[in-house]
N, C-alpha and C. Protein backbone atom coordinates (compact mmCIF):
# COMPACT_ATOMS: atom_id res chain seq x y z
N MET A 1 72.96 94.53 113.53
CA MET A 1 74.46 94.84 113.94
C MET A 1 74.53 96.21 113.89
N ARG A 2 75.32 96.77 114.32
CA ARG A 2 75.90 98.09 114.49
C ARG A 2 77.68 97.56 113.77
N ILE A 3 77.89 97.80 112.55
CA ILE A 3 78.98 97.59 112.31
C ILE A 3 79.74 98.61 111.60
N GLY A 4 81.03 98.46 112.12
CA GLY A 4 82.15 99.86 111.43
C GLY A 4 83.24 99.27 110.48
N ILE A 5 83.11 99.66 109.60
CA ILE A 5 84.30 99.66 108.66
C ILE A 5 85.75 100.63 108.65
N ILE A 6 86.36 99.74 108.77
CA ILE A 6 87.94 100.62 108.62
C ILE A 6 88.14 100.32 107.08
N GLY A 7 88.16 101.41 106.40
CA GLY A 7 88.60 101.21 104.78
C GLY A 7 87.56 101.38 103.79
N THR A 8 88.25 101.51 102.77
CA THR A 8 87.28 102.36 101.41
C THR A 8 87.47 101.57 100.28
N GLY A 9 88.04 100.24 100.32
CA GLY A 9 88.50 99.74 99.11
C GLY A 9 87.58 98.83 98.44
N ASN A 10 87.57 97.79 97.65
CA ASN A 10 86.68 96.71 96.83
C ASN A 10 85.91 95.71 98.15
N VAL A 11 86.72 95.25 99.48
CA VAL A 11 86.43 94.41 100.43
C VAL A 11 85.15 95.24 101.22
N ALA A 12 86.01 96.70 101.62
CA ALA A 12 85.15 97.35 102.53
C ALA A 12 83.79 97.82 101.59
N THR A 13 83.62 97.88 100.69
CA THR A 13 82.56 98.21 100.20
C THR A 13 81.75 96.72 99.40
N ALA A 14 82.30 96.12 99.20
CA ALA A 14 81.13 94.92 98.90
C ALA A 14 80.43 94.33 100.32
N LEU A 15 81.31 94.20 101.29
CA LEU A 15 80.74 93.64 102.45
C LEU A 15 79.82 94.67 102.74
N GLY A 16 80.46 96.12 102.96
CA GLY A 16 79.15 96.93 103.07
C GLY A 16 77.71 97.13 102.62
N ARG A 17 78.15 97.18 101.47
CA ARG A 17 76.84 96.91 100.97
C ARG A 17 75.96 95.53 100.92
N VAL A 18 76.60 94.55 101.32
CA VAL A 18 75.85 93.30 101.59
C VAL A 18 75.25 93.30 102.72
N TRP A 19 76.02 93.54 103.71
CA TRP A 19 75.44 93.84 105.17
C TRP A 19 74.35 95.08 105.52
N ALA A 20 74.77 95.93 104.45
CA ALA A 20 73.64 97.28 104.75
C ALA A 20 72.40 96.67 103.99
N GLY A 21 72.45 95.79 103.02
CA GLY A 21 71.57 95.07 102.03
C GLY A 21 70.37 94.09 103.27
N THR A 22 71.46 93.83 104.27
CA THR A 22 70.66 92.50 104.99
C THR A 22 70.14 93.30 106.01
N GLY A 23 69.92 94.44 106.25
CA GLY A 23 69.15 94.99 107.64
C GLY A 23 70.24 95.60 108.85
N HIS A 24 71.55 95.40 108.18
CA HIS A 24 72.67 96.08 109.79
C HIS A 24 72.99 97.28 109.35
N ASP A 25 73.08 98.13 110.45
CA ASP A 25 73.52 99.64 110.48
C ASP A 25 75.08 99.63 109.67
N VAL A 26 75.42 100.06 108.90
CA VAL A 26 76.69 99.90 108.87
C VAL A 26 77.30 101.37 108.06
N THR A 27 78.49 101.66 109.52
CA THR A 27 78.98 102.94 109.11
C THR A 27 80.61 102.77 108.45
N ILE A 28 80.88 103.29 107.40
CA ILE A 28 82.35 103.43 106.76
C ILE A 28 83.08 104.74 107.50
N GLY A 29 84.19 104.40 107.81
CA GLY A 29 85.59 105.30 107.79
C GLY A 29 86.62 105.15 107.21
N GLY A 30 87.71 106.31 106.48
CA GLY A 30 88.80 105.79 105.67
C GLY A 30 89.58 106.93 106.29
N ARG A 31 91.08 106.47 105.73
CA ARG A 31 91.80 107.87 106.02
C ARG A 31 91.92 108.66 105.18
N THR A 32 90.99 108.89 104.01
CA THR A 32 90.70 109.88 103.57
C THR A 32 89.19 110.05 103.13
N PRO A 33 88.63 111.14 103.84
CA PRO A 33 87.14 111.80 104.08
C PRO A 33 86.52 111.45 103.13
N GLU A 34 87.04 111.51 101.79
CA GLU A 34 86.02 111.82 100.16
C GLU A 34 85.86 110.28 99.88
N ARG A 35 86.83 109.83 99.93
CA ARG A 35 86.78 107.98 100.00
C ARG A 35 85.82 107.31 100.72
N ALA A 36 85.77 107.72 101.87
CA ALA A 36 84.59 107.29 102.47
C ALA A 36 83.16 107.58 102.27
N VAL A 37 83.32 108.73 101.95
CA VAL A 37 81.78 108.93 101.93
C VAL A 37 81.61 108.78 100.67
N ALA A 38 82.58 108.18 99.59
CA ALA A 38 82.30 107.39 98.29
C ALA A 38 81.89 105.90 98.80
N ALA A 39 82.66 105.49 99.11
CA ALA A 39 82.36 103.98 99.46
C ALA A 39 80.85 103.91 100.11
N ALA A 40 80.64 104.55 100.93
CA ALA A 40 79.48 104.65 101.99
C ALA A 40 78.41 104.82 101.12
N GLU A 41 78.47 105.64 100.24
CA GLU A 41 77.46 105.97 98.90
C GLU A 41 77.09 104.67 98.20
N ALA A 42 78.28 103.96 97.55
CA ALA A 42 78.31 102.85 96.92
C ALA A 42 77.79 101.67 97.51
N ALA A 43 78.09 101.81 99.17
CA ALA A 43 77.42 100.61 99.66
C ALA A 43 76.01 100.96 100.12
N GLY A 44 75.51 102.14 100.26
CA GLY A 44 74.34 102.44 100.80
C GLY A 44 74.27 102.39 102.41
N ALA A 45 75.78 102.60 102.71
CA ALA A 45 75.97 102.97 104.23
C ALA A 45 75.98 104.19 104.74
N THR A 46 76.43 104.76 105.64
CA THR A 46 76.71 106.03 106.23
C THR A 46 78.34 106.08 106.15
N SER A 47 78.95 107.20 106.45
CA SER A 47 80.20 107.47 106.61
C SER A 47 80.15 108.68 107.90
N ALA A 48 81.78 108.45 108.27
CA ALA A 48 81.93 109.05 109.55
C ALA A 48 83.66 109.14 109.66
N PRO A 49 84.03 110.23 110.40
CA PRO A 49 85.52 109.87 110.68
C PRO A 49 85.76 108.61 111.47
N LEU A 50 87.19 108.17 111.00
CA LEU A 50 87.35 107.04 111.61
C LEU A 50 87.06 106.45 113.27
N PRO A 51 87.15 107.37 114.10
CA PRO A 51 87.01 107.48 115.72
C PRO A 51 85.87 106.75 115.63
N GLU A 52 84.87 107.59 115.13
CA GLU A 52 83.58 107.72 115.01
C GLU A 52 82.83 106.64 114.26
N ALA A 53 83.40 106.09 113.02
CA ALA A 53 83.15 104.68 112.62
C ALA A 53 83.08 103.59 113.14
N VAL A 54 84.24 103.65 114.14
CA VAL A 54 84.45 102.45 115.37
C VAL A 54 83.57 102.60 116.71
N ALA A 55 83.05 103.82 117.17
CA ALA A 55 82.87 103.82 118.39
C ALA A 55 81.21 103.02 118.42
N GLY A 56 81.56 102.52 119.62
CA GLY A 56 80.03 101.99 119.85
C GLY A 56 79.69 100.83 118.97
N ARG A 57 80.39 100.22 118.39
CA ARG A 57 80.08 99.33 117.16
C ARG A 57 80.07 97.64 117.85
N ASP A 58 79.00 96.76 117.35
CA ASP A 58 79.27 95.32 117.69
C ASP A 58 80.59 94.58 116.95
N VAL A 59 80.57 95.22 115.82
CA VAL A 59 81.51 94.16 115.02
C VAL A 59 82.07 95.58 114.30
N VAL A 60 83.81 95.60 113.81
CA VAL A 60 84.59 96.18 113.24
C VAL A 60 84.82 95.20 112.16
N LEU A 61 84.99 95.62 110.70
CA LEU A 61 85.91 95.11 110.01
C LEU A 61 86.98 95.95 109.42
N LEU A 62 88.57 95.16 109.44
CA LEU A 62 89.66 96.18 109.16
C LEU A 62 89.90 95.79 107.76
N ALA A 63 89.29 96.38 106.63
CA ALA A 63 89.35 96.23 105.35
C ALA A 63 90.45 97.15 104.72
N VAL A 64 91.55 97.41 104.94
CA VAL A 64 92.80 97.96 104.32
C VAL A 64 93.71 97.39 103.90
N ALA A 65 94.70 98.05 102.93
CA ALA A 65 95.97 96.97 102.66
C ALA A 65 96.74 97.13 103.46
N TRP A 66 97.73 95.88 103.40
CA TRP A 66 98.48 95.46 104.71
C TRP A 66 99.36 96.90 104.94
N SER A 67 99.75 97.70 103.97
CA SER A 67 100.86 98.82 104.11
C SER A 67 100.23 99.67 104.99
N GLY A 68 98.73 99.97 104.88
CA GLY A 68 97.95 101.24 105.64
C GLY A 68 97.39 100.87 107.01
N VAL A 69 97.77 99.10 107.56
CA VAL A 69 96.65 98.60 108.62
C VAL A 69 97.43 99.70 109.96
N ASP A 70 98.58 99.81 110.33
CA ASP A 70 98.84 100.76 111.30
C ASP A 70 98.47 101.99 110.96
N GLU A 71 98.67 102.88 109.87
CA GLU A 71 98.13 104.28 110.20
C GLU A 71 96.66 104.19 110.52
N ALA A 72 95.71 102.89 109.64
CA ALA A 72 94.38 103.26 109.75
C ALA A 72 94.14 102.89 111.47
N LEU A 73 94.95 102.04 112.08
CA LEU A 73 94.03 101.61 113.29
C LEU A 73 94.87 102.65 114.41
N GLN A 74 95.84 103.51 113.98
CA GLN A 74 96.55 104.80 114.78
C GLN A 74 95.27 105.80 114.51
N LEU A 75 94.91 106.01 113.27
CA LEU A 75 93.78 107.17 113.21
C LEU A 75 92.37 106.86 113.79
N ALA A 76 92.01 105.25 114.19
CA ALA A 76 91.02 105.19 114.64
C ALA A 76 91.02 105.33 116.07
N GLY A 77 92.24 105.53 116.73
CA GLY A 77 92.32 105.52 118.10
C GLY A 77 92.42 104.54 118.81
N ALA A 78 93.16 103.40 118.22
CA ALA A 78 93.53 102.00 118.73
C ALA A 78 94.04 102.19 119.82
N ALA A 79 95.10 103.15 119.60
CA ALA A 79 95.99 103.60 121.10
C ALA A 79 95.26 103.64 122.44
N ASP A 80 94.56 104.53 121.99
CA ASP A 80 93.64 105.18 123.07
C ASP A 80 92.32 103.97 123.79
N GLY A 81 92.28 102.66 122.92
CA GLY A 81 91.22 101.91 123.50
C GLY A 81 90.32 101.82 122.83
N THR A 82 89.79 102.50 121.60
CA THR A 82 89.01 102.55 120.92
C THR A 82 87.93 100.94 120.16
N LEU A 83 88.89 100.09 120.27
CA LEU A 83 88.95 99.17 119.61
C LEU A 83 89.16 97.70 120.61
N ARG A 84 89.41 97.88 121.98
CA ARG A 84 89.69 96.92 122.78
C ARG A 84 88.32 96.12 123.08
N ASP A 85 88.30 95.05 123.33
CA ASP A 85 87.48 93.97 123.49
C ASP A 85 86.31 94.03 122.55
N VAL A 86 86.70 94.86 121.07
CA VAL A 86 85.67 94.65 120.06
C VAL A 86 85.69 93.67 119.20
N PRO A 87 84.37 92.85 119.10
CA PRO A 87 84.82 91.89 117.88
C PRO A 87 85.56 92.57 116.41
N LEU A 88 86.59 92.42 115.99
CA LEU A 88 87.03 92.84 115.07
C LEU A 88 87.60 91.84 114.04
N ILE A 89 87.26 91.80 112.70
CA ILE A 89 87.28 91.02 111.30
C ILE A 89 88.54 91.38 110.35
N ASP A 90 89.24 90.46 110.34
CA ASP A 90 90.52 90.77 109.57
C ASP A 90 90.64 90.20 108.44
N PRO A 91 90.57 90.59 107.49
CA PRO A 91 90.33 90.09 106.20
C PRO A 91 92.10 90.97 105.23
N THR A 92 92.72 91.29 106.12
CA THR A 92 94.07 91.68 105.47
C THR A 92 95.08 90.57 104.97
N ASN A 93 95.65 90.55 103.75
CA ASN A 93 96.86 90.06 103.33
C ASN A 93 98.01 90.24 103.35
N ALA A 94 98.57 90.30 104.44
CA ALA A 94 100.08 90.69 104.44
C ALA A 94 101.38 89.85 103.64
N VAL A 95 100.87 90.24 102.50
CA VAL A 95 101.90 89.15 101.54
C VAL A 95 102.36 90.08 100.69
N GLU A 96 103.45 89.80 99.98
CA GLU A 96 104.45 90.45 99.25
C GLU A 96 103.73 90.05 97.62
N HIS A 97 103.35 91.60 97.13
CA HIS A 97 102.67 91.79 95.97
C HIS A 97 102.79 90.52 94.69
N GLY A 98 102.42 89.87 94.02
CA GLY A 98 102.68 88.86 93.06
C GLY A 98 103.45 87.77 93.64
N VAL A 99 104.06 87.67 94.70
CA VAL A 99 104.84 86.60 95.05
C VAL A 99 104.33 85.61 96.29
N GLY A 100 103.70 86.31 97.10
CA GLY A 100 102.65 85.45 98.08
C GLY A 100 103.68 85.39 99.60
N VAL A 101 104.76 85.72 99.53
CA VAL A 101 105.32 85.35 100.66
C VAL A 101 104.82 86.29 101.70
N LEU A 102 104.67 85.75 103.28
CA LEU A 102 104.15 86.70 104.09
C LEU A 102 104.97 87.71 104.67
N LEU A 103 104.60 88.69 105.07
CA LEU A 103 105.41 90.14 105.61
C LEU A 103 105.33 90.11 106.84
N ALA A 104 104.01 89.56 107.43
CA ALA A 104 103.90 89.68 108.82
C ALA A 104 104.27 88.60 109.99
N GLN A 105 104.84 88.92 111.31
CA GLN A 105 105.10 87.82 112.18
C GLN A 105 104.24 88.11 113.55
N PRO A 106 103.68 86.84 114.22
CA PRO A 106 103.96 85.86 113.55
C PRO A 106 102.63 85.42 112.49
N SER A 107 101.62 86.46 112.48
CA SER A 107 100.54 86.43 111.83
C SER A 107 99.97 87.96 111.67
N ALA A 108 99.49 88.08 110.74
CA ALA A 108 98.81 89.66 110.28
C ALA A 108 97.65 89.72 111.43
N ALA A 109 96.99 88.94 111.53
CA ALA A 109 95.86 88.94 112.63
C ALA A 109 96.19 88.96 114.35
N GLU A 110 97.13 88.40 114.44
CA GLU A 110 98.10 88.67 115.90
C GLU A 110 98.61 90.00 116.13
N HIS A 111 99.51 90.60 115.16
CA HIS A 111 99.47 91.86 114.92
C HIS A 111 98.51 92.67 115.06
N VAL A 112 97.24 92.79 114.41
CA VAL A 112 96.33 93.33 114.63
C VAL A 112 95.88 93.20 116.21
N ALA A 113 95.64 91.94 116.43
CA ALA A 113 95.37 92.02 118.02
C ALA A 113 95.97 92.50 119.09
N ALA A 114 97.39 92.48 119.03
CA ALA A 114 98.52 93.07 119.72
C ALA A 114 98.24 94.81 119.80
N ALA A 115 98.00 95.40 119.08
CA ALA A 115 97.98 96.93 118.40
C ALA A 115 96.80 97.18 119.00
N THR A 116 95.78 96.22 118.98
CA THR A 116 94.11 97.05 119.38
C THR A 116 93.33 96.35 120.67
N GLY A 117 93.79 95.05 120.79
CA GLY A 117 93.38 94.48 122.30
C GLY A 117 91.79 93.97 121.94
N ALA A 118 91.66 94.26 120.44
CA ALA A 118 90.26 93.36 120.10
C ALA A 118 90.38 92.12 120.04
N HIS A 119 89.07 91.50 119.92
CA HIS A 119 88.93 90.22 119.35
C HIS A 119 88.84 89.82 118.19
N VAL A 120 90.12 89.49 117.91
CA VAL A 120 90.24 89.63 116.29
C VAL A 120 89.77 88.28 115.79
N VAL A 121 89.20 88.27 114.73
CA VAL A 121 88.68 87.07 114.03
C VAL A 121 89.24 86.99 112.44
N LYS A 122 90.33 85.99 112.17
CA LYS A 122 90.50 86.24 110.73
C LYS A 122 89.81 85.59 109.73
N ALA A 123 88.98 85.92 108.71
CA ALA A 123 88.22 86.01 107.64
C ALA A 123 87.96 86.65 106.76
N PHE A 124 87.26 85.99 105.39
CA PHE A 124 87.05 87.01 104.25
C PHE A 124 88.55 87.14 103.55
N HIS A 125 89.17 86.23 103.92
CA HIS A 125 90.79 87.16 103.20
C HIS A 125 91.12 86.38 101.73
N LEU A 126 90.75 85.23 101.54
CA LEU A 126 90.97 84.51 100.56
C LEU A 126 90.29 84.60 98.98
N PHE A 127 89.11 84.55 99.51
CA PHE A 127 88.29 84.77 98.11
C PHE A 127 88.19 86.55 97.64
N PRO A 128 87.74 86.68 96.42
CA PRO A 128 87.62 88.28 95.73
C PRO A 128 86.33 88.80 96.22
N ALA A 129 86.40 90.21 96.53
CA ALA A 129 85.25 91.27 96.80
C ALA A 129 84.28 90.70 96.22
N THR A 130 84.20 90.52 95.20
CA THR A 130 83.06 90.00 93.72
C THR A 130 82.46 88.79 94.10
N VAL A 131 82.60 87.87 94.95
CA VAL A 131 82.12 86.91 95.61
C VAL A 131 80.40 87.37 96.57
N TRP A 132 81.23 88.31 97.24
CA TRP A 132 80.07 88.35 98.25
C TRP A 132 79.05 88.82 98.12
N GLY A 133 78.02 88.09 98.56
CA GLY A 133 76.90 88.67 98.16
C GLY A 133 76.14 88.24 96.88
N THR A 134 76.79 87.53 95.88
CA THR A 134 76.13 86.82 94.87
C THR A 134 75.91 85.42 95.14
N GLU A 135 75.64 84.92 93.97
CA GLU A 135 75.45 83.16 93.53
C GLU A 135 76.56 82.76 93.92
N ALA A 136 77.61 83.19 93.61
CA ALA A 136 78.97 82.21 93.72
C ALA A 136 79.48 81.86 95.06
N ALA A 137 78.32 83.13 96.08
CA ALA A 137 78.92 83.00 97.30
C ALA A 137 78.49 81.37 97.91
N ALA A 138 77.20 80.93 97.57
CA ALA A 138 76.61 79.74 98.07
C ALA A 138 77.61 78.67 98.18
N GLY A 139 78.92 78.66 97.04
CA GLY A 139 79.91 77.00 97.30
C GLY A 139 81.01 77.34 97.90
N VAL A 140 81.08 78.38 98.63
CA VAL A 140 82.20 79.26 99.49
C VAL A 140 81.94 79.05 100.89
N THR A 141 82.96 78.07 101.46
CA THR A 141 83.27 78.32 103.20
C THR A 141 84.56 79.28 103.44
N VAL A 142 84.12 79.90 104.42
CA VAL A 142 84.96 81.08 104.86
C VAL A 142 85.73 80.18 106.08
N ALA A 143 86.92 80.18 106.22
CA ALA A 143 87.53 79.66 107.27
C ALA A 143 87.58 80.89 107.94
N THR A 144 87.77 80.79 109.47
CA THR A 144 88.03 81.39 110.24
C THR A 144 88.92 81.17 111.35
N CYS A 145 89.51 81.78 111.88
CA CYS A 145 90.07 81.67 113.32
C CYS A 145 90.16 83.11 114.39
N GLY A 146 89.79 82.69 115.77
CA GLY A 146 89.83 83.45 116.81
C GLY A 146 89.49 82.91 118.14
N ASP A 147 89.82 83.62 119.15
CA ASP A 147 89.95 83.17 120.73
C ASP A 147 88.55 83.28 121.14
N ASP A 148 87.97 83.95 120.76
CA ASP A 148 86.59 84.84 121.50
C ASP A 148 85.47 84.24 120.73
N PRO A 149 84.50 83.28 121.65
CA PRO A 149 83.24 82.57 121.31
C PRO A 149 82.53 83.78 120.49
N ARG A 150 82.14 84.76 121.00
CA ARG A 150 81.43 85.65 120.86
C ARG A 150 81.49 86.38 119.50
N ALA A 151 82.59 86.68 119.52
CA ALA A 151 83.64 87.01 118.06
C ALA A 151 83.25 86.36 117.01
N LEU A 152 83.47 84.93 117.25
CA LEU A 152 83.68 84.04 116.12
C LEU A 152 82.12 83.61 115.92
N GLU A 153 81.38 83.92 116.75
CA GLU A 153 79.58 83.51 116.31
C GLU A 153 79.08 85.06 115.45
N LEU A 154 79.42 85.78 115.77
CA LEU A 154 79.29 87.12 115.24
C LEU A 154 79.80 87.11 113.74
N THR A 155 81.10 86.88 113.56
CA THR A 155 81.53 86.59 112.31
C THR A 155 80.77 85.59 111.51
N GLY A 156 80.42 84.49 112.14
CA GLY A 156 79.54 83.47 111.22
C GLY A 156 78.37 84.15 110.76
N GLU A 157 77.52 84.70 111.61
CA GLU A 157 76.85 85.42 110.94
C GLU A 157 76.52 86.52 109.87
N LEU A 158 77.60 87.09 109.77
CA LEU A 158 77.90 87.89 108.67
C LEU A 158 78.75 87.42 107.88
N ILE A 159 79.13 85.93 108.24
CA ILE A 159 79.50 85.21 106.69
C ILE A 159 78.21 84.62 106.05
N ARG A 160 77.48 84.24 106.90
CA ARG A 160 75.92 83.66 106.00
C ARG A 160 75.27 84.84 105.51
N ASP A 161 75.49 85.83 106.23
CA ASP A 161 74.44 86.92 105.21
C ASP A 161 75.40 87.45 103.89
N ALA A 162 76.78 87.32 103.92
CA ALA A 162 77.37 87.75 102.59
C ALA A 162 77.18 86.15 101.79
N GLY A 163 76.17 85.08 102.08
CA GLY A 163 76.08 84.01 101.25
C GLY A 163 76.69 82.82 101.50
N ALA A 164 78.08 82.68 102.09
CA ALA A 164 78.83 81.77 102.26
C ALA A 164 78.60 80.64 103.99
N ARG A 165 79.25 79.80 104.03
CA ARG A 165 79.51 79.12 104.95
C ARG A 165 80.62 79.59 105.62
N PRO A 166 80.55 79.60 107.59
CA PRO A 166 81.50 79.66 107.76
C PRO A 166 82.07 78.19 108.69
N ALA A 167 83.40 78.55 109.11
CA ALA A 167 84.18 77.18 109.16
C ALA A 167 85.24 77.84 110.46
N VAL A 168 84.89 77.29 111.59
CA VAL A 168 86.04 77.72 112.60
C VAL A 168 87.19 76.82 112.38
N LEU A 169 88.35 77.21 112.16
CA LEU A 169 89.55 76.26 111.80
C LEU A 169 90.60 75.97 113.58
N GLY A 170 90.30 77.18 114.21
CA GLY A 170 90.78 76.89 115.91
C GLY A 170 90.88 78.65 116.17
N GLY A 171 91.56 78.63 117.21
CA GLY A 171 92.49 79.94 117.84
C GLY A 171 93.17 80.75 116.97
N LEU A 172 93.35 82.21 117.29
CA LEU A 172 93.95 82.85 116.33
C LEU A 172 95.66 82.51 116.22
N ASP A 173 96.11 81.57 116.89
CA ASP A 173 97.52 80.62 116.48
C ASP A 173 97.37 80.40 115.65
N ARG A 174 96.21 79.90 115.08
CA ARG A 174 96.12 79.36 113.72
C ARG A 174 96.20 80.41 112.10
N ALA A 175 95.63 81.56 112.81
CA ALA A 175 95.67 82.54 111.84
C ALA A 175 96.89 82.58 110.61
N ARG A 176 98.11 82.28 111.07
CA ARG A 176 98.78 82.31 110.30
C ARG A 176 99.03 81.20 108.96
N GLN A 177 98.34 80.02 109.58
CA GLN A 177 98.20 79.04 108.79
C GLN A 177 97.34 79.08 108.00
N VAL A 178 96.20 80.48 107.62
CA VAL A 178 95.56 80.72 106.86
C VAL A 178 95.77 81.82 106.26
N GLU A 179 96.66 82.29 106.74
CA GLU A 179 97.42 83.17 105.70
C GLU A 179 98.19 83.09 104.55
N GLU A 180 98.46 81.76 105.26
CA GLU A 180 99.58 80.89 104.43
C GLU A 180 99.16 80.58 102.98
N VAL A 181 98.02 79.75 103.19
CA VAL A 181 97.02 79.79 102.13
C VAL A 181 96.60 80.77 101.29
N ALA A 182 96.72 82.00 101.88
CA ALA A 182 96.40 83.25 100.76
C ALA A 182 97.77 83.38 99.80
N GLY A 183 98.97 83.04 100.78
CA GLY A 183 100.13 83.57 100.18
C GLY A 183 100.22 82.45 98.81
N PHE A 184 100.16 81.04 98.91
CA PHE A 184 100.33 80.19 98.21
C PHE A 184 99.27 80.33 96.78
N VAL A 185 98.14 80.38 97.24
CA VAL A 185 97.32 80.61 96.25
C VAL A 185 97.84 81.90 95.65
N ILE A 186 98.14 83.10 95.91
CA ILE A 186 98.76 84.47 95.27
C ILE A 186 99.78 83.91 94.21
N GLY A 187 100.83 83.21 95.25
CA GLY A 187 101.88 82.60 94.61
C GLY A 187 101.98 81.93 92.90
N LEU A 188 100.90 81.08 93.39
CA LEU A 188 100.76 80.09 92.01
C LEU A 188 99.84 80.95 91.09
N ALA A 189 98.89 81.81 91.22
CA ALA A 189 98.23 82.30 90.35
C ALA A 189 99.24 83.47 89.42
N PHE A 190 100.20 84.11 90.23
CA PHE A 190 100.99 84.95 89.54
C PHE A 190 101.84 84.33 88.97
N ALA A 191 101.82 82.97 88.95
CA ALA A 191 102.98 82.21 88.18
C ALA A 191 102.32 81.78 87.09
N GLY A 192 101.20 81.64 86.98
CA GLY A 192 100.38 81.54 85.64
C GLY A 192 100.12 79.73 86.17
N VAL A 193 99.82 79.45 87.47
CA VAL A 193 99.20 78.29 87.98
C VAL A 193 98.14 78.15 88.24
N ASP A 194 97.01 77.05 87.57
CA ASP A 194 95.60 77.22 88.66
C ASP A 194 95.79 76.59 90.07
N PRO A 195 95.59 77.43 91.28
CA PRO A 195 96.00 76.95 92.17
C PRO A 195 94.72 75.68 92.66
N ASN A 196 93.63 75.70 91.97
CA ASN A 196 92.72 74.51 92.33
C ASN A 196 93.20 73.28 91.87
N ARG A 197 94.17 73.25 90.91
CA ARG A 197 94.45 72.00 90.69
C ARG A 197 95.95 71.36 91.63
N ALA A 198 96.26 72.38 92.46
CA ALA A 198 97.52 72.08 93.07
C ALA A 198 96.58 71.18 94.67
N ILE A 199 95.61 71.70 94.66
CA ILE A 199 95.12 71.01 95.94
C ILE A 199 94.07 69.84 95.97
N PRO A 200 94.46 68.36 96.63
CA PRO A 200 93.62 67.25 96.32
C PRO A 200 91.99 67.79 96.52
N LYS A 201 91.22 67.12 95.93
CA LYS A 201 89.88 66.98 96.58
C LYS A 201 89.74 65.94 97.46
N VAL A 202 89.02 66.34 98.43
CA VAL A 202 89.19 65.52 99.46
C VAL A 202 87.37 65.35 99.95
N PRO A 203 86.98 63.74 99.61
CA PRO A 203 85.33 63.67 99.83
C PRO A 203 85.16 64.49 101.41
N ALA A 204 84.16 64.98 101.38
CA ALA A 204 83.59 65.84 102.69
C ALA A 204 83.14 64.78 103.79
């Protein structure tokens, strides 16, 4: 696939490296050109200005901190339709740092969809970037939410390329539910509680 990545942090670099390593054409763009070049070099990908990084891509990954989402989308030309009808993976966590309370209504994913007109799929938001492409990913299930079947299918392929298993929870209206799970985990972890002990083990 031709994959465009918006962002230059850990998630962008980790998934960019995994996807480039599995044969995808990955281009990284960021708000700071120098950081985009560095992230692309670390991932074995190419870099480009944000509008070029997302133009003509099969899939786009939005991997920026929640506070920078609107600026990044603006710089990528979302208002001009650069992301309209494009499968867009949203791993953002719109939560208050160290507390876990959600900051977006009704959900971060729905906010992104409204701002872009993209076929948004919520995914990759719960596990740390260091998991992807490692042996640890083999035991991971990535819950996804989205309304477009093709976008969900492409996201599922990329999840498998990262070494994990995809599981579709439902439409984008379920995104807030999976985002709340991240807030739940973050809140307990910062309180010094193991979140794994707060969730019952249910037989598969």
